[in-house]
Amino acid sequence: MAKAPGTRSRTRTPGIIAALLLAVWAAGCSPRTYVLRQVADGVSTGGEGFATDDDPELVRDSVPFALKAMESLLSGQPEHRGLLTSLARGFTQYAAAFVWQDAVEASDPEASLAGRDRARRLYLRARDYGMRGLSVGRPGFREAFAAEPAKALAALQAEDVPLLFWTGVSWSLAISTAQDDPGMLADLPRGEALLRRALALREDFDGGAIHEVFIAFEGGRPEAMGGSASRARSHFARAMELSRGRKVSPLVTLAETVAVRAQDRKEFLELLGRALAFDARGEAPEYRLANLVAQRKARWLKGRVDELFLE
């Protein structure tokens, strides 16, 4: 699960809870709209404290409540960009780190299928919140984007990068879970367009997170479909540089895409070994949770090495 921008310390969590309690208390007070706006501002920025947590299972159990609380607040502030960004981010991270990974690891085929379907629906919910956020203050944006994505995105600026990123990621992940759905596959260029605009505007976003996505985009597709192992490696190098080697997810992504496609078992194991050797609880606290989640995936991939490589 990638770290959200602007990480804050876990000490903000009590303040978030207090803000939620205030929202409940203030429901019948005046002026209600002002109070809800202040609470929405606090909640949409404070949830980033999850990034430093060292207990993924605790976060797994906590996130659904936080997301539903934000959805409740959004009903009173439907155009609050901070809440819309947090919901796009939160549903994407929760689905990817827990729902999808549980599904692919499940031994029961029915449970696996149900988990994959649930992850897809959560990704689409995240995408819809992201598109709502991008449309705030831009009448007709959805229609313009559907007709001419590049032209519609040209007007967006650096402050839109978080929404561009989470909308593009959630959309792309939803598409990746629906390989048998031609309608969704046709939307892949739109998800990619959002991410390319984000990359052009702010390539250093979240310690190279956009470059991480393009490792998968370039490395996970054959050259006949526009992929490139060389470009994937360039994105990997830049992601590692921007994160100063403090994130292990680029290692895992390169292993899962480029190394597997090249059937380079040695590189695959070396990359996963580097990811697993990182002290995720002691180093890089701003990426602690993301690194722990990435290490879980690394262990799962390492356990499948004989399935993934012919020799």
C-alpha atoms as a PDB file:
ATOM      1  CA  MET A   1       0.000   0.000   0.000  1.00  0.00           C
ATOM      2  CA  ALA A   2       1.647   3.192  -1.128  1.00  0.00           C
ATOM      3  CA  LYS A   3       2.140   5.979   1.374  1.00  0.00           C
ATOM      4  CA  ALA A   4      -0.136   8.982   1.064  1.00  0.00           C
ATOM      5  CA  PRO A   5       1.375  12.424   0.418  1.00  0.00           C
ATOM      6  CA  GLY A   6       2.245  14.708   3.294  1.00  0.00           C
ATOM      7  CA  THR A   7       2.732  12.070   5.983  1.00  0.00           C
ATOM      8  CA  ARG A   8       1.997  13.144   9.522  1.00  0.00           C
ATOM      9  CA  SER A   9       2.843  11.409  12.745  1.00  0.00           C
ATOM     10  CA  ARG A  10       0.563   8.951  14.504  1.00  0.00           C
ATOM     11  CA  THR A  11       0.083  11.477  17.314  1.00  0.00           C
ATOM     12  CA  ARG A  12      -2.643  13.073  15.201  1.00  0.00           C
ATOM     13  CA  THR A  13      -4.923  10.058  15.562  1.00  0.00           C
ATOM     14  CA  PRO A  14      -6.594  11.162  18.855  1.00  0.00           C
ATOM     15  CA  GLY A  15      -7.384  14.481  17.203  1.00  0.00           C
ATOM     16  CA  ILE A  16      -9.092  12.687  14.307  1.00  0.00           C
ATOM     17  CA  ILE A  17     -11.253  10.677  16.702  1.00  0.00           C
ATOM     18  CA  ALA A  18     -12.154  13.845  18.573  1.00  0.00           C
ATOM     19  CA  ALA A  19     -13.090  15.481  15.286  1.00  0.00           C
ATOM     20  CA  LEU A  20     -15.395  12.603  14.394  1.00  0.00           C
ATOM     21  CA  LEU A  21     -17.056  12.825  17.794  1.00  0.00           C
ATOM     22  CA  LEU A  22     -17.439  16.550  17.272  1.00  0.00           C
ATOM     23  CA  ALA A  23     -19.145  15.905  13.948  1.00  0.00           C
ATOM     24  CA  VAL A  24     -21.724  13.696  15.648  1.00  0.00           C
ATOM     25  CA  TRP A  25     -22.265  16.190  18.453  1.00  0.00           C
ATOM     26  CA  ALA A  26     -22.473  19.136  16.083  1.00  0.00           C
ATOM     27  CA  ALA A  27     -25.114  17.614  13.835  1.00  0.00           C
ATOM     28  CA  GLY A  28     -27.838  19.643  15.467  1.00  0.00           C
ATOM     29  CA  CYS A  29     -25.801  22.785  16.092  1.00  0.00           C
ATOM     30  CA  SER A  30     -25.517  25.999  14.141  1.00  0.00           C
ATOM     31  CA  PRO A  31     -23.863  26.823  11.842  1.00  0.00           C
ATOM     32  CA  ARG A  32     -23.756  23.131  10.869  1.00  0.00           C
ATOM     33  CA  THR A  33     -22.113  23.613   7.474  1.00  0.00           C
ATOM     34  CA  TYR A  34     -19.166  25.496   8.950  1.00  0.00           C
ATOM     35  CA  VAL A  35     -18.573  22.834  11.579  1.00  0.00           C
ATOM     36  CA  LEU A  36     -18.770  20.007   9.054  1.00  0.00           C
ATOM     37  CA  ARG A  37     -16.289  21.795   6.811  1.00  0.00           C
ATOM     38  CA  GLN A  38     -13.793  22.122   9.637  1.00  0.00           C
ATOM     39  CA  VAL A  39     -14.207  18.479  10.596  1.00  0.00           C
ATOM     40  CA  ALA A  40     -13.913  17.381   6.963  1.00  0.00           C
ATOM     41  CA  ASP A  41     -10.682  19.362   6.597  1.00  0.00           C
ATOM     42  CA  GLY A  42      -9.201  17.707   9.689  1.00  0.00           C
ATOM     43  CA  VAL A  43     -10.288  14.172   8.850  1.00  0.00           C
ATOM     44  CA  SER A  44      -9.197  14.310   5.218  1.00  0.00           C
ATOM     45  CA  THR A  45      -5.657  15.332   6.199  1.00  0.00           C
ATOM     46  CA  GLY A  46      -5.280  13.418   9.458  1.00  0.00           C
ATOM     47  CA  GLY A  47      -5.899   9.863   8.221  1.00  0.00           C
ATOM     48  CA  GLU A  48      -2.400   9.798   6.760  1.00  0.00           C
ATOM     49  CA  GLY A  49      -1.133   8.723  10.201  1.00  0.00           C
ATOM     50  CA  PHE A  50      -1.826   5.135   9.148  1.00  0.00           C
ATOM     51  CA  ALA A  51       1.329   5.317   7.014  1.00  0.00           C
ATOM     52  CA  THR A  52       3.630   5.084  10.043  1.00  0.00           C
ATOM     53  CA  ASP A  53       1.794   2.221  11.774  1.00  0.00           C
ATOM     54  CA  ASP A  54       3.744  -0.981  12.371  1.00  0.00           C
ATOM     55  CA  ASP A  55       0.698  -3.274  12.657  1.00  0.00           C
ATOM     56  CA  PRO A  56      -0.948  -3.981   9.277  1.00  0.00           C
ATOM     57  CA  GLU A  57      -3.665  -6.101  10.878  1.00  0.00           C
ATOM     58  CA  LEU A  58      -4.674  -3.258  13.167  1.00  0.00           C
ATOM     59  CA  VAL A  59      -4.880  -0.954  10.165  1.00  0.00           C
ATOM     60  CA  ARG A  60      -6.895  -3.559   8.233  1.00  0.00           C
ATOM     61  CA  ASP A  61      -9.506  -3.548  11.011  1.00  0.00           C
ATOM     62  CA  SER A  62      -9.511   0.249  11.413  1.00  0.00           C
ATOM     63  CA  VAL A  63      -9.666   1.472   7.835  1.00  0.00           C
ATOM     64  CA  PRO A  64     -13.283   0.473   7.023  1.00  0.00           C
ATOM     65  CA  PHE A  65     -14.590   2.571   9.932  1.00  0.00           C
ATOM     66  CA  ALA A  66     -12.495   5.543   8.846  1.00  0.00           C
ATOM     67  CA  LEU A  67     -13.707   5.253   5.253  1.00  0.00           C
ATOM     68  CA  LYS A  68     -17.361   5.011   6.235  1.00  0.00           C
ATOM     69  CA  ALA A  69     -16.928   7.996   8.562  1.00  0.00           C
ATOM     70  CA  MET A  70     -15.505  10.027   5.679  1.00  0.00           C
ATOM     71  CA  GLU A  71     -18.360   8.961   3.424  1.00  0.00           C
ATOM     72  CA  SER A  72     -20.812  10.193   6.059  1.00  0.00           C
ATOM     73  CA  LEU A  73     -19.040  13.536   6.260  1.00  0.00           C
ATOM     74  CA  LEU A  74     -18.996  13.764   2.467  1.00  0.00           C
ATOM     75  CA  SER A  75     -22.787  13.600   2.370  1.00  0.00           C
ATOM     76  CA  GLY A  76     -22.781  17.041   4.033  1.00  0.00           C
ATOM     77  CA  GLN A  77     -19.844  18.377   1.988  1.00  0.00           C
ATOM     78  CA  PRO A  78     -20.242  16.666  -1.434  1.00  0.00           C
ATOM     79  CA  GLU A  79     -17.597  18.816  -3.144  1.00  0.00           C
ATOM     80  CA  HIS A  80     -14.908  18.632  -0.459  1.00  0.00           C
ATOM     81  CA  ARG A  81     -11.787  17.820  -2.486  1.00  0.00           C
ATOM     82  CA  GLY A  82      -9.841  16.735   0.574  1.00  0.00           C
ATOM     83  CA  LEU A  83     -12.435  14.096   1.479  1.00  0.00           C
ATOM     84  CA  LEU A  84     -12.774  12.968  -2.123  1.00  0.00           C
ATOM     85  CA  THR A  85      -8.993  12.571  -2.394  1.00  0.00           C
ATOM     86  CA  SER A  86      -8.805  10.677   0.897  1.00  0.00           C
ATOM     87  CA  LEU A  87     -11.614   8.348  -0.153  1.00  0.00           C
ATOM     88  CA  ALA A  88      -9.999   7.647  -3.534  1.00  0.00           C
ATOM     89  CA  ARG A  89      -6.710   6.932  -1.781  1.00  0.00           C
ATOM     90  CA  GLY A  90      -8.182   4.977   1.122  1.00  0.00           C
ATOM     91  CA  PHE A  91     -10.378   2.619  -0.887  1.00  0.00           C
ATOM     92  CA  THR A  92      -7.534   1.960  -3.341  1.00  0.00           C
ATOM     93  CA  GLN A  93      -5.027   1.185  -0.602  1.00  0.00           C
ATOM     94  CA  TYR A  94      -7.422  -0.966   1.405  1.00  0.00           C
ATOM     95  CA  ALA A  95      -8.477  -2.988  -1.641  1.00  0.00           C
ATOM     96  CA  ALA A  96      -4.921  -3.507  -2.890  1.00  0.00           C
ATOM     97  CA  ALA A  97      -3.171  -4.257   0.398  1.00  0.00           C
ATOM     98  CA  PHE A  98      -5.812  -6.439   2.010  1.00  0.00           C
ATOM     99  CA  VAL A  99      -8.811  -7.450  -0.103  1.00  0.00           C
ATOM    100  CA  TRP A 100      -6.970  -8.280  -3.332  1.00  0.00           C
ATOM    101  CA  GLN A 101      -3.940  -9.834  -1.673  1.00  0.00           C
ATOM    102  CA  ASP A 102      -6.150 -12.016   0.534  1.00  0.00           C
ATOM    103  CA  ALA A 103      -8.025 -13.118  -2.581  1.00  0.00           C
ATOM    104  CA  VAL A 104      -4.965 -14.154  -4.574  1.00  0.00           C
ATOM    105  CA  GLU A 105      -3.552 -16.027  -1.588  1.00  0.00           C
ATOM    106  CA  ALA A 106      -6.824 -17.828  -0.805  1.00  0.00           C
ATOM    107  CA  SER A 107      -6.797 -21.602  -1.311  1.00  0.00           C
ATOM    108  CA  ASP A 108     -10.586 -21.770  -1.705  1.00  0.00           C
ATOM    109  CA  PRO A 109     -11.455 -20.919  -5.356  1.00  0.00           C
ATOM    110  CA  GLU A 110     -14.861 -19.491  -4.433  1.00  0.00           C
ATOM    111  CA  ALA A 111     -13.401 -17.286  -1.706  1.00  0.00           C
ATOM    112  CA  SER A 112     -10.699 -16.138  -4.100  1.00  0.00           C
ATOM    113  CA  LEU A 113     -13.239 -15.241  -6.788  1.00  0.00           C
ATOM    114  CA  ALA A 114     -15.442 -13.382  -4.306  1.00  0.00           C
ATOM    115  CA  GLY A 115     -12.447 -11.454  -2.973  1.00  0.00           C
ATOM    116  CA  ARG A 116     -11.322 -10.454  -6.439  1.00  0.00           C
ATOM    117  CA  ASP A 117     -14.807  -9.246  -7.290  1.00  0.00           C
ATOM    118  CA  ARG A 118     -14.985  -7.229  -4.077  1.00  0.00           C
ATOM    119  CA  ALA A 119     -11.589  -5.660  -4.775  1.00  0.00           C
ATOM    120  CA  ARG A 120     -12.769  -4.610  -8.233  1.00  0.00           C
ATOM    121  CA  ARG A 121     -15.848  -2.933  -6.782  1.00  0.00           C
ATOM    122  CA  LEU A 122     -13.731  -1.087  -4.216  1.00  0.00           C
ATOM    123  CA  TYR A 123     -11.321   0.077  -6.926  1.00  0.00           C
ATOM    124  CA  LEU A 124     -14.257   1.403  -8.945  1.00  0.00           C
ATOM    125  CA  ARG A 125     -15.636   3.190  -5.889  1.00  0.00           C
ATOM    126  CA  ALA A 126     -12.216   4.823  -5.443  1.00  0.00           C
ATOM    127  CA  ARG A 127     -12.136   5.800  -9.117  1.00  0.00           C
ATOM    128  CA  ASP A 128     -15.563   7.402  -8.881  1.00  0.00           C
ATOM    129  CA  TYR A 129     -14.528   9.480  -5.863  1.00  0.00           C
ATOM    130  CA  GLY A 130     -11.410  10.541  -7.729  1.00  0.00           C
ATOM    131  CA  MET A 131     -13.362  11.613 -10.790  1.00  0.00           C
ATOM    132  CA  ARG A 132     -15.722  13.556  -8.556  1.00  0.00           C
ATOM    133  CA  GLY A 133     -12.742  15.319  -7.027  1.00  0.00           C
ATOM    134  CA  LEU A 134     -11.261  16.202 -10.408  1.00  0.00           C
ATOM    135  CA  SER A 135     -14.650  17.544 -11.505  1.00  0.00           C
ATOM    136  CA  VAL A 136     -15.060  19.938  -8.566  1.00  0.00           C
ATOM    137  CA  GLY A 137     -15.065  23.477  -9.978  1.00  0.00           C
ATOM    138  CA  ARG A 138     -14.791  22.133 -13.524  1.00  0.00           C
ATOM    139  CA  PRO A 139     -18.268  21.844 -15.070  1.00  0.00           C
ATOM    140  CA  GLY A 140     -18.316  19.353 -17.919  1.00  0.00           C
ATOM    141  CA  PHE A 141     -14.950  17.787 -17.014  1.00  0.00           C
ATOM    142  CA  ARG A 142     -16.220  14.195 -17.148  1.00  0.00           C
ATOM    143  CA  GLU A 143     -17.700  14.655 -20.606  1.00  0.00           C
ATOM    144  CA  ALA A 144     -14.593  16.462 -21.875  1.00  0.00           C
ATOM    145  CA  PHE A 145     -12.337  13.759 -20.464  1.00  0.00           C
ATOM    146  CA  ALA A 146     -14.428  10.998 -22.045  1.00  0.00           C
ATOM    147  CA  ALA A 147     -14.243  12.727 -25.427  1.00  0.00           C
ATOM    148  CA  GLU A 148     -10.624  13.973 -25.471  1.00  0.00           C
ATOM    149  CA  PRO A 149      -8.635  12.864 -22.390  1.00  0.00           C
ATOM    150  CA  ALA A 150      -5.385  14.655 -23.237  1.00  0.00           C
ATOM    151  CA  LYS A 151      -7.127  17.959 -23.935  1.00  0.00           C
ATOM    152  CA  ALA A 152      -9.192  17.781 -20.744  1.00  0.00           C
ATOM    153  CA  LEU A 153      -6.167  16.931 -18.610  1.00  0.00           C
ATOM    154  CA  ALA A 154      -4.014  19.720 -20.047  1.00  0.00           C
ATOM    155  CA  ALA A 155      -5.798  22.239 -17.820  1.00  0.00           C
ATOM    156  CA  LEU A 156      -4.928  20.393 -14.601  1.00  0.00           C
ATOM    157  CA  GLN A 157      -2.054  21.606 -12.454  1.00  0.00           C
ATOM    158  CA  ALA A 158       0.340  20.341  -9.768  1.00  0.00           C
ATOM    159  CA  GLU A 159      -2.247  20.654  -6.990  1.00  0.00           C
ATOM    160  CA  ASP A 160      -4.359  18.081  -8.855  1.00  0.00           C
ATOM    161  CA  VAL A 161      -1.640  15.407  -8.802  1.00  0.00           C
ATOM    162  CA  PRO A 162      -2.942  13.465  -5.748  1.00  0.00           C
ATOM    163  CA  LEU A 163      -6.353  13.117  -7.390  1.00  0.00           C
ATOM    164  CA  LEU A 164      -4.814  12.295 -10.768  1.00  0.00           C
ATOM    165  CA  PHE A 165      -2.646   9.634  -9.163  1.00  0.00           C
ATOM    166  CA  TRP A 166      -5.273   7.861  -7.070  1.00  0.00           C
ATOM    167  CA  THR A 167      -7.906   8.052  -9.797  1.00  0.00           C
ATOM    168  CA  GLY A 168      -5.499   6.649 -12.367  1.00  0.00           C
ATOM    169  CA  VAL A 169      -4.228   3.906 -10.067  1.00  0.00           C
ATOM    170  CA  SER A 170      -7.670   2.774  -8.929  1.00  0.00           C
ATOM    171  CA  TRP A 171      -8.986   2.760 -12.499  1.00  0.00           C
ATOM    172  CA  SER A 172      -5.988   0.800 -13.767  1.00  0.00           C
ATOM    173  CA  LEU A 173      -6.237  -1.734 -10.940  1.00  0.00           C
ATOM    174  CA  ALA A 174      -9.942  -2.220 -11.601  1.00  0.00           C
ATOM    175  CA  ILE A 175      -9.170  -2.893 -15.248  1.00  0.00           C
ATOM    176  CA  SER A 176      -6.429  -5.371 -14.305  1.00  0.00           C
ATOM    177  CA  THR A 177      -9.016  -7.439 -12.404  1.00  0.00           C
ATOM    178  CA  ALA A 178     -11.367  -7.596 -15.399  1.00  0.00           C
ATOM    179  CA  GLN A 179      -9.300  -9.109 -18.203  1.00  0.00           C
ATOM    180  CA  ASP A 180     -12.443 -10.765 -19.603  1.00  0.00           C
ATOM    181  CA  ASP A 181     -14.370  -7.485 -19.839  1.00  0.00           C
ATOM    182  CA  PRO A 182     -13.708  -5.727 -23.189  1.00  0.00           C
ATOM    183  CA  GLY A 183     -15.585  -2.637 -22.016  1.00  0.00           C
ATOM    184  CA  MET A 184     -13.258  -2.116 -19.068  1.00  0.00           C
ATOM    185  CA  LEU A 185     -10.148  -2.961 -21.077  1.00  0.00           C
ATOM    186  CA  ALA A 186     -11.084  -0.197 -23.487  1.00  0.00           C
ATOM    187  CA  ASP A 187     -10.717   2.274 -20.619  1.00  0.00           C
ATOM    188  CA  LEU A 188      -7.057   1.423 -19.999  1.00  0.00           C
ATOM    189  CA  PRO A 189      -5.750   4.405 -22.027  1.00  0.00           C
ATOM    190  CA  ARG A 190      -7.844   6.749 -19.858  1.00  0.00           C
ATOM    191  CA  GLY A 191      -6.359   5.440 -16.625  1.00  0.00           C
ATOM    192  CA  GLU A 192      -2.890   5.678 -18.131  1.00  0.00           C
ATOM    193  CA  ALA A 193      -3.557   9.232 -19.353  1.00  0.00           C
ATOM    194  CA  LEU A 194      -4.343  10.357 -15.803  1.00  0.00           C
ATOM    195  CA  LEU A 195      -1.072   8.907 -14.554  1.00  0.00           C
ATOM    196  CA  ARG A 196       1.005  10.339 -17.396  1.00  0.00           C
ATOM    197  CA  ARG A 197      -0.379  13.799 -16.669  1.00  0.00           C
ATOM    198  CA  ALA A 198       0.500  13.328 -12.995  1.00  0.00           C
ATOM    199  CA  LEU A 199       4.016  12.251 -13.970  1.00  0.00           C
ATOM    200  CA  ALA A 200       4.466  15.305 -16.202  1.00  0.00           C
ATOM    201  CA  LEU A 201       3.297  17.650 -13.465  1.00  0.00           C
ATOM    202  CA  ARG A 202       5.110  16.207 -10.472  1.00  0.00           C
ATOM    203  CA  GLU A 203       7.345  13.219 -11.005  1.00  0.00           C
ATOM    204  CA  ASP A 204       8.584  13.297  -7.392  1.00  0.00           C
ATOM    205  CA  PHE A 205       5.095  12.802  -5.928  1.00  0.00           C
ATOM    206  CA  ASP A 206       5.202  10.585  -2.840  1.00  0.00           C
ATOM    207  CA  GLY A 207       8.820   9.595  -3.240  1.00  0.00           C
ATOM    208  CA  GLY A 208       8.515   8.393  -6.829  1.00  0.00           C
ATOM    209  CA  ALA A 209       5.156   6.601  -6.508  1.00  0.00           C
ATOM    210  CA  ILE A 210       4.171   7.482 -10.079  1.00  0.00           C
ATOM    211  CA  HIS A 211       7.372   5.953 -11.398  1.00  0.00           C
ATOM    212  CA  GLU A 212       6.531   2.802  -9.421  1.00  0.00           C
ATOM    213  CA  VAL A 213       3.251   2.511 -11.304  1.00  0.00           C
ATOM    214  CA  PHE A 214       5.056   2.831 -14.609  1.00  0.00           C
ATOM    215  CA  ILE A 215       7.400  -0.018 -13.679  1.00  0.00           C
ATOM    216  CA  ALA A 216       4.279  -2.183 -13.778  1.00  0.00           C
ATOM    217  CA  PHE A 217       2.823  -0.490 -16.880  1.00  0.00           C
ATOM    218  CA  GLU A 218       6.002  -0.916 -18.896  1.00  0.00           C
ATOM    219  CA  GLY A 219       7.275  -4.159 -17.393  1.00  0.00           C
ATOM    220  CA  GLY A 220       3.995  -6.031 -17.230  1.00  0.00           C
ATOM    221  CA  ARG A 221       3.171  -5.752 -20.938  1.00  0.00           C
ATOM    222  CA  PRO A 222       4.943  -7.378 -23.884  1.00  0.00           C
ATOM    223  CA  GLU A 223       6.578  -5.056 -26.369  1.00  0.00           C
ATOM    224  CA  ALA A 224       3.890  -5.901 -28.919  1.00  0.00           C
ATOM    225  CA  MET A 225       1.378  -4.234 -26.583  1.00  0.00           C
ATOM    226  CA  GLY A 226       3.541  -1.186 -25.917  1.00  0.00           C
ATOM    227  CA  GLY A 227       5.562  -2.449 -22.969  1.00  0.00           C
ATOM    228  CA  SER A 228       9.292  -2.028 -22.527  1.00  0.00           C
ATOM    229  CA  ALA A 229      11.612  -3.703 -20.033  1.00  0.00           C
ATOM    230  CA  SER A 230      14.148  -0.945 -20.640  1.00  0.00           C
ATOM    231  CA  ARG A 231      11.685   1.807 -19.785  1.00  0.00           C
ATOM    232  CA  ALA A 232      10.499  -0.171 -16.766  1.00  0.00           C
ATOM    233  CA  ARG A 233      14.072  -0.306 -15.478  1.00  0.00           C
ATOM    234  CA  SER A 234      14.449   3.439 -16.015  1.00  0.00           C
ATOM    235  CA  HIS A 235      11.333   4.067 -13.947  1.00  0.00           C
ATOM    236  CA  PHE A 236      12.658   1.676 -11.303  1.00  0.00           C
ATOM    237  CA  ALA A 237      15.951   3.557 -11.063  1.00  0.00           C
ATOM    238  CA  ARG A 238      14.151   6.882 -10.735  1.00  0.00           C
ATOM    239  CA  ALA A 239      11.714   5.535  -8.127  1.00  0.00           C
ATOM    240  CA  MET A 240      14.595   4.251  -6.020  1.00  0.00           C
ATOM    241  CA  GLU A 241      16.397   7.568  -6.389  1.00  0.00           C
ATOM    242  CA  LEU A 242      13.392   9.680  -5.419  1.00  0.00           C
ATOM    243  CA  SER A 243      12.582   7.488  -2.410  1.00  0.00           C
ATOM    244  CA  ARG A 244      16.279   7.401  -1.454  1.00  0.00           C
ATOM    245  CA  GLY A 245      16.012   3.629  -1.208  1.00  0.00           C
ATOM    246  CA  ARG A 246      13.538   3.893   1.654  1.00  0.00           C
ATOM    247  CA  LYS A 247      10.684   2.118  -0.146  1.00  0.00           C
ATOM    248  CA  VAL A 248      10.839  -1.587  -1.008  1.00  0.00           C
ATOM    249  CA  SER A 249       7.802  -1.692  -3.301  1.00  0.00           C
ATOM    250  CA  PRO A 250       9.807  -0.798  -6.454  1.00  0.00           C
ATOM    251  CA  LEU A 251      11.947  -3.890  -5.847  1.00  0.00           C
ATOM    252  CA  VAL A 252       8.883  -6.102  -5.573  1.00  0.00           C
ATOM    253  CA  THR A 253       7.229  -4.595  -8.641  1.00  0.00           C
ATOM    254  CA  LEU A 254      10.336  -5.020 -10.808  1.00  0.00           C
ATOM    255  CA  ALA A 255      10.644  -8.632  -9.652  1.00  0.00           C
ATOM    256  CA  GLU A 256       6.999  -9.411 -10.349  1.00  0.00           C
ATOM    257  CA  THR A 257       6.977  -7.845 -13.808  1.00  0.00           C
ATOM    258  CA  VAL A 258      10.330  -7.563 -15.580  1.00  0.00           C
ATOM    259  CA  ALA A 259      12.140 -10.459 -13.902  1.00  0.00           C
ATOM    260  CA  VAL A 260       9.214 -12.844 -14.345  1.00  0.00           C
ATOM    261  CA  ARG A 261       8.614 -11.835 -17.972  1.00  0.00           C
ATOM    262  CA  ALA A 262      12.333 -12.327 -18.716  1.00  0.00           C
ATOM    263  CA  GLN A 263      12.296 -15.593 -16.761  1.00  0.00           C
ATOM    264  CA  ASP A 264      15.277 -14.349 -14.787  1.00  0.00           C
ATOM    265  CA  ARG A 265      14.933 -16.407 -11.635  1.00  0.00           C
ATOM    266  CA  LYS A 266      18.195 -15.144 -10.151  1.00  0.00           C
ATOM    267  CA  GLU A 267      17.234 -11.470 -10.442  1.00  0.00           C
ATOM    268  CA  PHE A 268      13.753 -12.247  -9.132  1.00  0.00           C
ATOM    269  CA  LEU A 269      15.133 -13.795  -5.945  1.00  0.00           C
ATOM    270  CA  GLU A 270      17.775 -11.078  -5.523  1.00  0.00           C
ATOM    271  CA  LEU A 271      15.176  -8.307  -5.748  1.00  0.00           C
ATOM    272  CA  LEU A 272      12.844 -10.016  -3.290  1.00  0.00           C
ATOM    273  CA  GLY A 273      15.774 -10.727  -0.993  1.00  0.00           C
ATOM    274  CA  ARG A 274      16.646  -7.039  -0.896  1.00  0.00           C
ATOM    275  CA  ALA A 275      13.030  -6.151  -0.126  1.00  0.00           C
ATOM    276  CA  LEU A 276      12.776  -8.694   2.688  1.00  0.00           C
ATOM    277  CA  ALA A 277      16.145  -7.735   4.192  1.00  0.00           C
ATOM    278  CA  PHE A 278      14.991  -4.147   4.747  1.00  0.00           C
ATOM    279  CA  ASP A 279      14.168  -3.293   8.362  1.00  0.00           C
ATOM    280  CA  ALA A 280      10.614  -2.160   7.679  1.00  0.00           C
ATOM    281  CA  ARG A 281       9.770  -1.468  11.321  1.00  0.00           C
ATOM    282  CA  GLY A 282      12.986   0.292  12.224  1.00  0.00           C
ATOM    283  CA  GLU A 283      13.815   2.275   9.087  1.00  0.00           C
ATOM    284  CA  ALA A 284      11.890   4.859   7.033  1.00  0.00           C
ATOM    285  CA  PRO A 285       8.967   5.373   9.448  1.00  0.00           C
ATOM    286  CA  GLU A 286       7.141   7.511   6.887  1.00  0.00           C
ATOM    287  CA  TYR A 287       6.847   4.400   4.682  1.00  0.00           C
ATOM    288  CA  ARG A 288       6.549   1.819   7.467  1.00  0.00           C
ATOM    289  CA  LEU A 289       3.127   0.424   6.655  1.00  0.00           C
ATOM    290  CA  ALA A 290       3.747   0.479   2.897  1.00  0.00           C
ATOM    291  CA  ASN A 291       6.996  -1.425   3.358  1.00  0.00           C
ATOM    292  CA  LEU A 292       5.388  -4.042   5.607  1.00  0.00           C
ATOM    293  CA  VAL A 293       2.627  -4.580   3.055  1.00  0.00           C
ATOM    294  CA  ALA A 294       5.196  -4.849   0.245  1.00  0.00           C
ATOM    295  CA  GLN A 295       7.160  -7.400   2.259  1.00  0.00           C
ATOM    296  CA  ARG A 296       4.046  -9.523   2.682  1.00  0.00           C
ATOM    297  CA  LYS A 297       3.705  -9.604  -1.099  1.00  0.00           C
ATOM    298  CA  ALA A 298       7.414 -10.356  -1.484  1.00  0.00           C
ATOM    299  CA  ARG A 299       7.108 -13.406   0.775  1.00  0.00           C
ATOM    300  CA  TRP A 300       4.101 -14.620  -1.185  1.00  0.00           C
ATOM    301  CA  LEU A 301       5.902 -14.184  -4.516  1.00  0.00           C
ATOM    302  CA  LYS A 302       9.004 -15.939  -3.232  1.00  0.00           C
ATOM    303  CA  GLY A 303       6.853 -18.888  -2.187  1.00  0.00           C
ATOM    304  CA  ARG A 304       5.582 -19.173  -5.792  1.00  0.00           C
ATOM    305  CA  VAL A 305       8.987 -19.131  -7.458  1.00  0.00           C
ATOM    306  CA  ASP A 306       8.641 -22.648  -8.859  1.00  0.00           C
ATOM    307  CA  GLU A 307       5.262 -21.748 -10.385  1.00  0.00           C
ATOM    308  CA  LEU A 308       6.557 -18.571 -11.980  1.00  0.00           C
ATOM    309  CA  PHE A 309       9.768 -19.946 -13.525  1.00  0.00           C
ATOM    310  CA  LEU A 310      10.125 -22.892 -15.836  1.00  0.00           C
ATOM    311  CA  GLU A 311      13.654 -23.689 -14.691  1.00  0.00           C
END
